[in-house]
Amino acid sequence: MSLITNEQRKQLLRNGKFNAFRRDRGEFEIDYKPVVKLYVPGQPWIWLLGEINPDERDQAYGLWDAGRGPFLGTTSLFELGLIRDIRSDNRFVPMMSLEAYFADAYVNGRIVA
């Protein structure tokens, strides 16, 4: 079973391609809302992913906390797939952008999504 649906993967890749295009033109990147939320039941571990790097499709950009505090950056999709009991929250509806979630997590000390 895949953690990310085909439609989510397509959206993550579209977001990544568009931001790569903007970077190449010297423009500011778009601060997307997360496309997918992953978590581990019984643990405070959460990943909110907003885009996939079109040149390294194993690398996803987003906000995550694997027990050491919130971090905005890249993570390996392959490594996420190796985490025991990791799940996708199919009911997750993003309410704000990744950077807004990060600012909120900084205040709260954890990701609230």
PDB file of N, CA and C in Angstrom:
ATOM      1  N   MET A   1       0.834  -1.189   0.000  1.00  0.00           N
ATOM      2  CA  MET A   1       0.000   0.000   0.000  1.00  0.00           C
ATOM      3  C   MET A   1       0.874   1.246   0.000  1.00  0.00           C
ATOM      4  N   SER A   2       0.559   2.191  -0.841  1.00  0.00           N
ATOM      5  CA  SER A   2       1.319   3.430  -0.938  1.00  0.00           C
ATOM      6  C   SER A   2       0.782   4.454   0.058  1.00  0.00           C
ATOM      7  N   LEU A   3       1.686   5.216   0.630  1.00  0.00           N
ATOM      8  CA  LEU A   3       1.291   6.264   1.571  1.00  0.00           C
ATOM      9  C   LEU A   3       0.650   7.451   0.869  1.00  0.00           C
ATOM     10  N   ILE A   4       1.035   7.673  -0.382  1.00  0.00           N
ATOM     11  CA  ILE A   4       0.579   8.828  -1.141  1.00  0.00           C
ATOM     12  C   ILE A   4      -0.174   8.323  -2.362  1.00  0.00           C
ATOM     13  N   THR A   5      -1.375   8.832  -2.573  1.00  0.00           N
ATOM     14  CA  THR A   5      -2.162   8.415  -3.736  1.00  0.00           C
ATOM     15  C   THR A   5      -1.517   8.967  -5.011  1.00  0.00           C
ATOM     16  N   ASN A   6      -1.907   8.392  -6.144  1.00  0.00           N
ATOM     17  CA  ASN A   6      -1.398   8.883  -7.428  1.00  0.00           C
ATOM     18  C   ASN A   6      -1.753  10.348  -7.637  1.00  0.00           C
ATOM     19  N   GLU A   7      -2.962  10.739  -7.267  1.00  0.00           N
ATOM     20  CA  GLU A   7      -3.380  12.134  -7.438  1.00  0.00           C
ATOM     21  C   GLU A   7      -2.561  13.070  -6.535  1.00  0.00           C
ATOM     22  N   GLN A   8      -2.325  12.648  -5.299  1.00  0.00           N
ATOM     23  CA  GLN A   8      -1.494  13.457  -4.404  1.00  0.00           C
ATOM     24  C   GLN A   8      -0.076  13.580  -4.953  1.00  0.00           C
ATOM     25  N   ARG A   9       0.469  12.477  -5.458  1.00  0.00           N
ATOM     26  CA  ARG A   9       1.827  12.486  -6.021  1.00  0.00           C
ATOM     27  C   ARG A   9       1.904  13.446  -7.208  1.00  0.00           C
ATOM     28  N   LYS A  10       0.873  13.428  -8.059  1.00  0.00           N
ATOM     29  CA  LYS A  10       0.839  14.336  -9.208  1.00  0.00           C
ATOM     30  C   LYS A  10       0.809  15.791  -8.751  1.00  0.00           C
ATOM     31  N   GLN A  11       0.003  16.092  -7.727  1.00  0.00           N
ATOM     32  CA  GLN A  11      -0.079  17.472  -7.229  1.00  0.00           C
ATOM     33  C   GLN A  11       1.240  17.897  -6.590  1.00  0.00           C
ATOM     34  N   LEU A  12       1.841  17.015  -5.807  1.00  0.00           N
ATOM     35  CA  LEU A  12       3.143  17.321  -5.193  1.00  0.00           C
ATOM     36  C   LEU A  12       4.188  17.611  -6.264  1.00  0.00           C
ATOM     37  N   LEU A  13       4.183  16.830  -7.321  1.00  0.00           N
ATOM     38  CA  LEU A  13       5.140  17.020  -8.401  1.00  0.00           C
ATOM     39  C   LEU A  13       4.856  18.314  -9.171  1.00  0.00           C
ATOM     40  N   ARG A  14       3.575  18.618  -9.416  1.00  0.00           N
ATOM     41  CA  ARG A  14       3.224  19.893 -10.074  1.00  0.00           C
ATOM     42  C   ARG A  14       3.724  21.068  -9.255  1.00  0.00           C
ATOM     43  N   ASN A  15       3.514  21.008  -7.938  1.00  0.00           N
ATOM     44  CA  ASN A  15       3.990  22.079  -7.060  1.00  0.00           C
ATOM     45  C   ASN A  15       5.506  22.216  -7.142  1.00  0.00           C
ATOM     46  N   GLY A  16       6.202  21.090  -7.118  1.00  0.00           N
ATOM     47  CA  GLY A  16       7.663  21.107  -7.186  1.00  0.00           C
ATOM     48  C   GLY A  16       8.167  21.649  -8.509  1.00  0.00           C
ATOM     49  N   LYS A  17       7.536  21.265  -9.611  1.00  0.00           N
ATOM     50  CA  LYS A  17       7.948  21.752 -10.930  1.00  0.00           C
ATOM     51  C   LYS A  17       7.733  23.257 -11.049  1.00  0.00           C
ATOM     52  N   PHE A  18       6.594  23.731 -10.536  1.00  0.00           N
ATOM     53  CA  PHE A  18       6.317  25.158 -10.649  1.00  0.00           C
ATOM     54  C   PHE A  18       7.298  25.978  -9.809  1.00  0.00           C
ATOM     55  N   ASN A  19       7.619  25.507  -8.612  1.00  0.00           N
ATOM     56  CA  ASN A  19       8.590  26.241  -7.799  1.00  0.00           C
ATOM     57  C   ASN A  19       9.988  26.167  -8.401  1.00  0.00           C
ATOM     58  N   ALA A  20      10.356  25.051  -9.021  1.00  0.00           N
ATOM     59  CA  ALA A  20      11.652  24.967  -9.708  1.00  0.00           C
ATOM     60  C   ALA A  20      11.699  25.976 -10.854  1.00  0.00           C
ATOM     61  N   PHE A  21      10.606  26.096 -11.595  1.00  0.00           N
ATOM     62  CA  PHE A  21      10.498  27.069 -12.677  1.00  0.00           C
ATOM     63  C   PHE A  21      10.672  28.484 -12.138  1.00  0.00           C
ATOM     64  N   ARG A  22      10.017  28.791 -11.030  1.00  0.00           N
ATOM     65  CA  ARG A  22      10.118  30.128 -10.428  1.00  0.00           C
ATOM     66  C   ARG A  22      11.541  30.391  -9.940  1.00  0.00           C
ATOM     67  N   ARG A  23      12.176  29.399  -9.317  1.00  0.00           N
ATOM     68  CA  ARG A  23      13.575  29.568  -8.864  1.00  0.00           C
ATOM     69  C   ARG A  23      14.487  29.863 -10.047  1.00  0.00           C
ATOM     70  N   ASP A  24      14.307  29.113 -11.142  1.00  0.00           N
ATOM     71  CA  ASP A  24      15.134  29.317 -12.332  1.00  0.00           C
ATOM     72  C   ASP A  24      14.988  30.727 -12.899  1.00  0.00           C
ATOM     73  N   ARG A  25      13.845  31.341 -12.709  1.00  0.00           N
ATOM     74  CA  ARG A  25      13.593  32.692 -13.202  1.00  0.00           C
ATOM     75  C   ARG A  25      13.950  33.752 -12.166  1.00  0.00           C
ATOM     76  N   GLY A  26      14.448  33.319 -11.004  1.00  0.00           N
ATOM     77  CA  GLY A  26      14.803  34.271  -9.948  1.00  0.00           C
ATOM     78  C   GLY A  26      13.602  34.825  -9.209  1.00  0.00           C
ATOM     79  N   GLU A  27      12.485  34.124  -9.269  1.00  0.00           N
ATOM     80  CA  GLU A  27      11.261  34.570  -8.604  1.00  0.00           C
ATOM     81  C   GLU A  27      11.096  33.856  -7.265  1.00  0.00           C
ATOM     82  N   PHE A  28      10.292  34.443  -6.398  1.00  0.00           N
ATOM     83  CA  PHE A  28       9.991  33.827  -5.120  1.00  0.00           C
ATOM     84  C   PHE A  28       9.184  32.552  -5.333  1.00  0.00           C
ATOM     85  N   GLU A  29       9.445  31.566  -4.496  1.00  0.00           N
ATOM     86  CA  GLU A  29       8.688  30.317  -4.554  1.00  0.00           C
ATOM     87  C   GLU A  29       7.328  30.512  -3.890  1.00  0.00           C
ATOM     88  N   ILE A  30       6.391  29.696  -4.289  1.00  0.00           N
ATOM     89  CA  ILE A  30       5.057  29.722  -3.697  1.00  0.00           C
ATOM     90  C   ILE A  30       5.071  28.880  -2.424  1.00  0.00           C
ATOM     91  N   ASP A  31       4.483  29.411  -1.380  1.00  0.00           N
ATOM     92  CA  ASP A  31       4.342  28.700  -0.109  1.00  0.00           C
ATOM     93  C   ASP A  31       3.019  27.934  -0.157  1.00  0.00           C
ATOM     94  N   TYR A  32       3.086  26.695  -0.637  1.00  0.00           N
ATOM     95  CA  TYR A  32       1.885  25.890  -0.838  1.00  0.00           C
ATOM     96  C   TYR A  32       1.281  25.407   0.476  1.00  0.00           C
ATOM     97  N   LYS A  33      -0.008  25.103   0.399  1.00  0.00           N
ATOM     98  CA  LYS A  33      -0.650  24.358   1.476  1.00  0.00           C
ATOM     99  C   LYS A  33      -0.182  22.909   1.343  1.00  0.00           C
ATOM    100  N   PRO A  34      -0.124  22.175   2.443  1.00  0.00           N
ATOM    101  CA  PRO A  34       0.258  20.761   2.353  1.00  0.00           C
ATOM    102  C   PRO A  34      -0.736  19.979   1.493  1.00  0.00           C
ATOM    103  N   VAL A  35      -0.213  19.000   0.786  1.00  0.00           N
ATOM    104  CA  VAL A  35      -1.036  18.131  -0.048  1.00  0.00           C
ATOM    105  C   VAL A  35      -1.393  16.862   0.710  1.00  0.00           C
ATOM    106  N   VAL A  36      -0.488  16.410   1.564  1.00  0.00           N
ATOM    107  CA  VAL A  36      -0.694  15.154   2.278  1.00  0.00           C
ATOM    108  C   VAL A  36      -0.162  15.288   3.711  1.00  0.00           C
ATOM    109  N   LYS A  37      -0.839  14.600   4.623  1.00  0.00           N
ATOM    110  CA  LYS A  37      -0.398  14.521   6.016  1.00  0.00           C
ATOM    111  C   LYS A  37      -0.130  13.060   6.334  1.00  0.00           C
ATOM    112  N   LEU A  38       1.080  12.791   6.821  1.00  0.00           N
ATOM    113  CA  LEU A  38       1.452  11.456   7.275  1.00  0.00           C
ATOM    114  C   LEU A  38       1.686  11.521   8.781  1.00  0.00           C
ATOM    115  N   TYR A  39       1.429  10.418   9.465  1.00  0.00           N
ATOM    116  CA  TYR A  39       1.613  10.384  10.913  1.00  0.00           C
ATOM    117  C   TYR A  39       1.857   8.948  11.366  1.00  0.00           C
ATOM    118  N   VAL A  40       2.315   8.819  12.601  1.00  0.00           N
ATOM    119  CA  VAL A  40       2.479   7.507  13.219  1.00  0.00           C
ATOM    120  C   VAL A  40       1.599   7.492  14.472  1.00  0.00           C
ATOM    121  N   PRO A  41       0.585   6.625  14.500  1.00  0.00           N
ATOM    122  CA  PRO A  41      -0.303   6.567  15.661  1.00  0.00           C
ATOM    123  C   PRO A  41       0.478   6.319  16.954  1.00  0.00           C
ATOM    124  N   GLY A  42       0.079   7.035  17.989  1.00  0.00           N
ATOM    125  CA  GLY A  42       0.713   6.873  19.291  1.00  0.00           C
ATOM    126  C   GLY A  42       2.043   7.610  19.427  1.00  0.00           C
ATOM    127  N   GLN A  43       2.470   8.275  18.389  1.00  0.00           N
ATOM    128  CA  GLN A  43       3.718   9.046  18.403  1.00  0.00           C
ATOM    129  C   GLN A  43       3.408  10.482  17.983  1.00  0.00           C
ATOM    130  N   PRO A  44       4.244  11.436  18.373  1.00  0.00           N
ATOM    131  CA  PRO A  44       4.022  12.820  17.953  1.00  0.00           C
ATOM    132  C   PRO A  44       4.622  13.104  16.566  1.00  0.00           C
ATOM    133  N   TRP A  45       4.840  12.090  15.774  1.00  0.00           N
ATOM    134  CA  TRP A  45       5.500  12.223  14.474  1.00  0.00           C
ATOM    135  C   TRP A  45       4.493  12.583  13.394  1.00  0.00           C
ATOM    136  N   ILE A  46       4.750  13.693  12.703  1.00  0.00           N
ATOM    137  CA  ILE A  46       3.857  14.184  11.652  1.00  0.00           C
ATOM    138  C   ILE A  46       4.696  14.734  10.508  1.00  0.00           C
ATOM    139  N   TRP A  47       4.222  14.495   9.285  1.00  0.00           N
ATOM    140  CA  TRP A  47       4.823  15.072   8.080  1.00  0.00           C
ATOM    141  C   TRP A  47       3.708  15.727   7.283  1.00  0.00           C
ATOM    142  N   LEU A  48       3.870  17.001   6.943  1.00  0.00           N
ATOM    143  CA  LEU A  48       2.965  17.712   6.050  1.00  0.00           C
ATOM    144  C   LEU A  48       3.774  18.017   4.791  1.00  0.00           C
ATOM    145  N   LEU A  49       3.429  17.382   3.690  1.00  0.00           N
ATOM    146  CA  LEU A  49       4.221  17.498   2.470  1.00  0.00           C
ATOM    147  C   LEU A  49       3.525  18.391   1.450  1.00  0.00           C
ATOM    148  N   GLY A  50       4.309  19.300   0.839  1.00  0.00           N
ATOM    149  CA  GLY A  50       3.744  20.253  -0.098  1.00  0.00           C
ATOM    150  C   GLY A  50       4.222  20.115  -1.524  1.00  0.00           C
ATOM    151  N   GLU A  51       5.397  19.499  -1.726  1.00  0.00           N
ATOM    152  CA  GLU A  51       5.898  19.344  -3.091  1.00  0.00           C
ATOM    153  C   GLU A  51       6.959  18.255  -3.158  1.00  0.00           C
ATOM    154  N   ILE A  52       7.172  17.745  -4.365  1.00  0.00           N
ATOM    155  CA  ILE A  52       8.228  16.783  -4.648  1.00  0.00           C
ATOM    156  C   ILE A  52       9.228  17.455  -5.570  1.00  0.00           C
ATOM    157  N   ASN A  53      10.507  17.247  -5.300  1.00  0.00           N
ATOM    158  CA  ASN A  53      11.572  17.778  -6.140  1.00  0.00           C
ATOM    159  C   ASN A  53      11.511  17.078  -7.504  1.00  0.00           C
ATOM    160  N   PRO A  54      11.294  17.819  -8.600  1.00  0.00           N
ATOM    161  CA  PRO A  54      11.162  17.169  -9.909  1.00  0.00           C
ATOM    162  C   PRO A  54      12.460  16.526 -10.404  1.00  0.00           C
ATOM    163  N   ASP A  55      13.603  16.958  -9.869  1.00  0.00           N
ATOM    164  CA  ASP A  55      14.890  16.385 -10.275  1.00  0.00           C
ATOM    165  C   ASP A  55      15.306  15.201  -9.409  1.00  0.00           C
ATOM    166  N   GLU A  56      14.795  15.132  -8.194  1.00  0.00           N
ATOM    167  CA  GLU A  56      15.073  14.024  -7.265  1.00  0.00           C
ATOM    168  C   GLU A  56      13.740  13.612  -6.657  1.00  0.00           C
ATOM    169  N   ARG A  57      13.016  12.783  -7.357  1.00  0.00           N
ATOM    170  CA  ARG A  57      11.625  12.495  -7.002  1.00  0.00           C
ATOM    171  C   ARG A  57      11.448  11.710  -5.710  1.00  0.00           C
ATOM    172  N   ASP A  58      12.538  11.333  -5.074  1.00  0.00           N
ATOM    173  CA  ASP A  58      12.459  10.719  -3.753  1.00  0.00           C
ATOM    174  C   ASP A  58      12.386  11.794  -2.671  1.00  0.00           C
ATOM    175  N   GLN A  59      12.721  13.024  -3.005  1.00  0.00           N
ATOM    176  CA  GLN A  59      12.781  14.105  -2.029  1.00  0.00           C
ATOM    177  C   GLN A  59      11.490  14.926  -2.034  1.00  0.00           C
ATOM    178  N   ALA A  60      10.860  14.994  -0.876  1.00  0.00           N
ATOM    179  CA  ALA A  60       9.651  15.797  -0.713  1.00  0.00           C
ATOM    180  C   ALA A  60       9.961  16.947   0.232  1.00  0.00           C
ATOM    181  N   TYR A  61       9.367  18.094  -0.054  1.00  0.00           N
ATOM    182  CA  TYR A  61       9.540  19.279   0.777  1.00  0.00           C
ATOM    183  C   TYR A  61       8.292  19.465   1.621  1.00  0.00           C
ATOM    184  N   GLY A  62       8.507  19.773   2.874  1.00  0.00           N
ATOM    185  CA  GLY A  62       7.375  20.034   3.744  1.00  0.00           C
ATOM    186  C   GLY A  62       7.809  20.312   5.161  1.00  0.00           C
ATOM    187  N   LEU A  63       6.863  20.225   6.040  1.00  0.00           N
ATOM    188  CA  LEU A  63       7.073  20.428   7.469  1.00  0.00           C
ATOM    189  C   LEU A  63       6.965  19.079   8.139  1.00  0.00           C
ATOM    190  N   TRP A  64       7.912  18.771   9.017  1.00  0.00           N
ATOM    191  CA  TRP A  64       7.841  17.490   9.696  1.00  0.00           C
ATOM    192  C   TRP A  64       8.429  17.578  11.094  1.00  0.00           C
ATOM    193  N   ASP A  65       7.990  16.663  11.907  1.00  0.00           N
ATOM    194  CA  ASP A  65       8.489  16.537  13.271  1.00  0.00           C
ATOM    195  C   ASP A  65       8.547  15.051  13.592  1.00  0.00           C
ATOM    196  N   ALA A  66       9.753  14.545  13.727  1.00  0.00           N
ATOM    197  CA  ALA A  66       9.955  13.135  14.065  1.00  0.00           C
ATOM    198  C   ALA A  66      10.439  13.014  15.505  1.00  0.00           C
ATOM    199  N   GLY A  67       9.904  13.854  16.370  1.00  0.00           N
ATOM    200  CA  GLY A  67      10.215  13.782  17.787  1.00  0.00           C
ATOM    201  C   GLY A  67      11.291  14.732  18.267  1.00  0.00           C
ATOM    202  N   ARG A  68      11.831  15.558  17.387  1.00  0.00           N
ATOM    203  CA  ARG A  68      12.892  16.504  17.786  1.00  0.00           C
ATOM    204  C   ARG A  68      12.484  17.954  17.582  1.00  0.00           C
ATOM    205  N   GLY A  69      11.218  18.193  17.338  1.00  0.00           N
ATOM    206  CA  GLY A  69      10.739  19.538  17.076  1.00  0.00           C
ATOM    207  C   GLY A  69      10.480  19.739  15.596  1.00  0.00           C
ATOM    208  N   PRO A  70       9.688  20.748  15.269  1.00  0.00           N
ATOM    209  CA  PRO A  70       9.305  20.985  13.876  1.00  0.00           C
ATOM    210  C   PRO A  70      10.474  21.429  13.007  1.00  0.00           C
ATOM    211  N   PHE A  71      10.473  20.958  11.760  1.00  0.00           N
ATOM    212  CA  PHE A  71      11.533  21.266  10.802  1.00  0.00           C
ATOM    213  C   PHE A  71      10.903  21.475   9.432  1.00  0.00           C
ATOM    214  N   LEU A  72      11.257  22.553   8.773  1.00  0.00           N
ATOM    215  CA  LEU A  72      10.784  22.839   7.427  1.00  0.00           C
ATOM    216  C   LEU A  72      11.920  22.529   6.468  1.00  0.00           C
ATOM    217  N   GLY A  73      11.738  21.521   5.636  1.00  0.00           N
ATOM    218  CA  GLY A  73      12.808  21.113   4.729  1.00  0.00           C
ATOM    219  C   GLY A  73      12.430  19.873   3.946  1.00  0.00           C
ATOM    220  N   THR A  74      13.432  19.135   3.486  1.00  0.00           N
ATOM    221  CA  THR A  74      13.177  17.959   2.659  1.00  0.00           C
ATOM    222  C   THR A  74      13.292  16.667   3.462  1.00  0.00           C
ATOM    223  N   THR A  75      12.613  15.668   2.967  1.00  0.00           N
ATOM    224  CA  THR A  75      12.648  14.339   3.563  1.00  0.00           C
ATOM    225  C   THR A  75      12.564  13.309   2.441  1.00  0.00           C
ATOM    226  N   SER A  76      13.053  12.122   2.694  1.00  0.00           N
ATOM    227  CA  SER A  76      13.059  11.047   1.706  1.00  0.00           C
ATOM    228  C   SER A  76      11.753  10.263   1.758  1.00  0.00           C
ATOM    229  N   LEU A  77      11.084  10.168   0.616  1.00  0.00           N
ATOM    230  CA  LEU A  77       9.860   9.370   0.550  1.00  0.00           C
ATOM    231  C   LEU A  77      10.160   7.891   0.784  1.00  0.00           C
ATOM    232  N   PHE A  78      11.305   7.424   0.285  1.00  0.00           N
ATOM    233  CA  PHE A  78      11.696   6.033   0.500  1.00  0.00           C
ATOM    234  C   PHE A  78      11.839   5.750   1.995  1.00  0.00           C
ATOM    235  N   GLU A  79      12.533   6.629   2.705  1.00  0.00           N
ATOM    236  CA  GLU A  79      12.731   6.432   4.148  1.00  0.00           C
ATOM    237  C   GLU A  79      11.416   6.518   4.915  1.00  0.00           C
ATOM    238  N   LEU A  80      10.511   7.391   4.476  1.00  0.00           N
ATOM    239  CA  LEU A  80       9.201   7.451   5.127  1.00  0.00           C
ATOM    240  C   LEU A  80       8.481   6.115   5.002  1.00  0.00           C
ATOM    241  N   GLY A  81       8.620   5.485   3.838  1.00  0.00           N
ATOM    242  CA  GLY A  81       7.984   4.196   3.612  1.00  0.00           C
ATOM    243  C   GLY A  81       8.525   3.075   4.485  1.00  0.00           C
ATOM    244  N   LEU A  82       9.697   3.282   5.063  1.00  0.00           N
ATOM    245  CA  LEU A  82      10.304   2.270   5.935  1.00  0.00           C
ATOM    246  C   LEU A  82       9.865   2.386   7.390  1.00  0.00           C
ATOM    247  N   ILE A  83       9.179   3.488   7.723  1.00  0.00           N
ATOM    248  CA  ILE A  83       8.766   3.709   9.114  1.00  0.00           C
ATOM    249  C   ILE A  83       7.586   2.807   9.447  1.00  0.00           C
ATOM    250  N   ARG A  84       7.761   2.047  10.492  1.00  0.00           N
ATOM    251  CA  ARG A  84       6.720   1.117  10.925  1.00  0.00           C
ATOM    252  C   ARG A  84       5.464   1.871  11.341  1.00  0.00           C
ATOM    253  N   ASP A  85       4.325   1.423  10.865  1.00  0.00           N
ATOM    254  CA  ASP A  85       3.001   1.944  11.220  1.00  0.00           C
ATOM    255  C   ASP A  85       2.693   3.347  10.690  1.00  0.00           C
ATOM    256  N   ILE A  86       3.522   3.911   9.814  1.00  0.00           N
ATOM    257  CA  ILE A  86       3.213   5.243   9.276  1.00  0.00           C
ATOM    258  C   ILE A  86       1.940   5.168   8.444  1.00  0.00           C
ATOM    259  N   ARG A  87       1.124   6.201   8.548  1.00  0.00           N
ATOM    260  CA  ARG A  87      -0.164   6.223   7.861  1.00  0.00           C
ATOM    261  C   ARG A  87      -0.412   7.587   7.229  1.00  0.00           C
ATOM    262  N   SER A  88      -1.313   7.593   6.285  1.00  0.00           N
ATOM    263  CA  SER A  88      -1.762   8.828   5.652  1.00  0.00           C
ATOM    264  C   SER A  88      -3.104   9.213   6.259  1.00  0.00           C
ATOM    265  N   ASP A  89      -3.269  10.480   6.579  1.00  0.00           N
ATOM    266  CA  ASP A  89      -4.531  10.972   7.124  1.00  0.00           C
ATOM    267  C   ASP A  89      -5.417  11.409   5.961  1.00  0.00           C
ATOM    268  N   ASN A  90      -6.309  10.539   5.534  1.00  0.00           N
ATOM    269  CA  ASN A  90      -7.164  10.814   4.388  1.00  0.00           C
ATOM    270  C   ASN A  90      -8.225  11.870   4.669  1.00  0.00           C
ATOM    271  N   ARG A  91      -8.427  12.207   5.936  1.00  0.00           N
ATOM    272  CA  ARG A  91      -9.416  13.229   6.295  1.00  0.00           C
ATOM    273  C   ARG A  91      -8.797  14.614   6.445  1.00  0.00           C
ATOM    274  N   PHE A  92      -7.483  14.705   6.305  1.00  0.00           N
ATOM    275  CA  PHE A  92      -6.786  15.984   6.481  1.00  0.00           C
ATOM    276  C   PHE A  92      -7.181  16.990   5.411  1.00  0.00           C
ATOM    277  N   VAL A  93      -7.584  18.169   5.862  1.00  0.00           N
ATOM    278  CA  VAL A  93      -7.883  19.294   4.967  1.00  0.00           C
ATOM    279  C   VAL A  93      -6.981  20.445   5.404  1.00  0.00           C
ATOM    280  N   PRO A  94      -6.027  20.834   4.564  1.00  0.00           N
ATOM    281  CA  PRO A  94      -5.103  21.908   4.973  1.00  0.00           C
ATOM    282  C   PRO A  94      -5.828  23.238   5.101  1.00  0.00           C
ATOM    283  N   MET A  95      -5.521  23.938   6.175  1.00  0.00           N
ATOM    284  CA  MET A  95      -6.165  25.221   6.434  1.00  0.00           C
ATOM    285  C   MET A  95      -5.230  26.405   6.181  1.00  0.00           C
ATOM    286  N   MET A  96      -3.922  26.134   6.090  1.00  0.00           N
ATOM    287  CA  MET A  96      -2.962  27.213   5.885  1.00  0.00           C
ATOM    288  C   MET A  96      -1.737  26.683   5.156  1.00  0.00           C
ATOM    289  N   SER A  97      -0.834  27.570   4.814  1.00  0.00           N
ATOM    290  CA  SER A  97       0.366  27.195   4.075  1.00  0.00           C
ATOM    291  C   SER A  97       1.366  26.484   4.983  1.00  0.00           C
ATOM    292  N   LEU A  98       2.367  25.873   4.368  1.00  0.00           N
ATOM    293  CA  LEU A  98       3.410  25.186   5.146  1.00  0.00           C
ATOM    294  C   LEU A  98       4.118  26.129   6.105  1.00  0.00           C
ATOM    295  N   GLU A  99       4.467  27.323   5.642  1.00  0.00           N
ATOM    296  CA  GLU A  99       5.165  28.266   6.524  1.00  0.00           C
ATOM    297  C   GLU A  99       4.276  28.735   7.665  1.00  0.00           C
ATOM    298  N   ALA A 100       2.974  28.846   7.416  1.00  0.00           N
ATOM    299  CA  ALA A 100       2.048  29.204   8.496  1.00  0.00           C
ATOM    300  C   ALA A 100       1.946  28.064   9.509  1.00  0.00           C
ATOM    301  N   TYR A 101       1.896  26.826   9.029  1.00  0.00           N
ATOM    302  CA  TYR A 101       1.915  25.678   9.948  1.00  0.00           C
ATOM    303  C   TYR A 101       3.220  25.663  10.746  1.00  0.00           C
ATOM    304  N   PHE A 102       4.325  26.015  10.091  1.00  0.00           N
ATOM    305  CA  PHE A 102       5.620  26.040  10.783  1.00  0.00           C
ATOM    306  C   PHE A 102       5.626  27.104  11.878  1.00  0.00           C
ATOM    307  N   ALA A 103       5.127  28.294  11.575  1.00  0.00           N
ATOM    308  CA  ALA A 103       5.062  29.364  12.580  1.00  0.00           C
ATOM    309  C   ALA A 103       4.193  28.932  13.752  1.00  0.00           C
ATOM    310  N   ASP A 104       3.077  28.281  13.455  1.00  0.00           N
ATOM    311  CA  ASP A 104       2.181  27.774  14.493  1.00  0.00           C
ATOM    312  C   ASP A 104       2.878  26.694  15.326  1.00  0.00           C
ATOM    313  N   ALA A 105       3.620  25.807  14.662  1.00  0.00           N
ATOM    314  CA  ALA A 105       4.340  24.744  15.370  1.00  0.00           C
ATOM    315  C   ALA A 105       5.439  25.322  16.255  1.00  0.00           C
ATOM    316  N   TYR A 106       6.065  26.390  15.796  1.00  0.00           N
ATOM    317  CA  TYR A 106       7.113  27.043  16.594  1.00  0.00           C
ATOM    318  C   TYR A 106       6.522  27.575  17.910  1.00  0.00           C
ATOM    319  N   VAL A 107       5.345  28.160  17.823  1.00  0.00           N
ATOM    320  CA  VAL A 107       4.683  28.691  19.009  1.00  0.00           C
ATOM    321  C   VAL A 107       4.227  27.569  19.938  1.00  0.00           C
ATOM    322  N   ASN A 108       3.654  26.509  19.359  1.00  0.00           N
ATOM    323  CA  ASN A 108       3.099  25.398  20.140  1.00  0.00           C
ATOM    324  C   ASN A 108       4.115  24.333  20.529  1.00  0.00           C
ATOM    325  N   GLY A 109       5.293  24.358  19.889  1.00  0.00           N
ATOM    326  CA  GLY A 109       6.300  23.333  20.161  1.00  0.00           C
ATOM    327  C   GLY A 109       6.037  22.020  19.456  1.00  0.00           C
ATOM    328  N   ARG A 110       5.007  22.000  18.609  1.00  0.00           N
ATOM    329  CA  ARG A 110       4.659  20.789  17.864  1.00  0.00           C
ATOM    330  C   ARG A 110       3.724  21.179  16.733  1.00  0.00           C
ATOM    331  N   ILE A 111       3.619  20.276  15.756  1.00  0.00           N
ATOM    332  CA  ILE A 111       2.728  20.513  14.632  1.00  0.00           C
ATOM    333  C   ILE A 111       1.295  20.215  15.050  1.00  0.00           C
ATOM    334  N   VAL A 112       0.417  21.150  14.795  1.00  0.00           N
ATOM    335  CA  VAL A 112      -1.008  20.966  15.077  1.00  0.00           C
ATOM    336  C   VAL A 112      -1.722  21.006  13.725  1.00  0.00           C
ATOM    337  N   ALA A 113      -2.167  19.832  13.277  1.00  0.00           N
ATOM    338  CA  ALA A 113      -2.845  19.760  11.975  1.00  0.00           C
ATOM    339  C   ALA A 113      -3.882  18.656  11.982  1.00  0.00           C
TER     340      ALA A 113
END
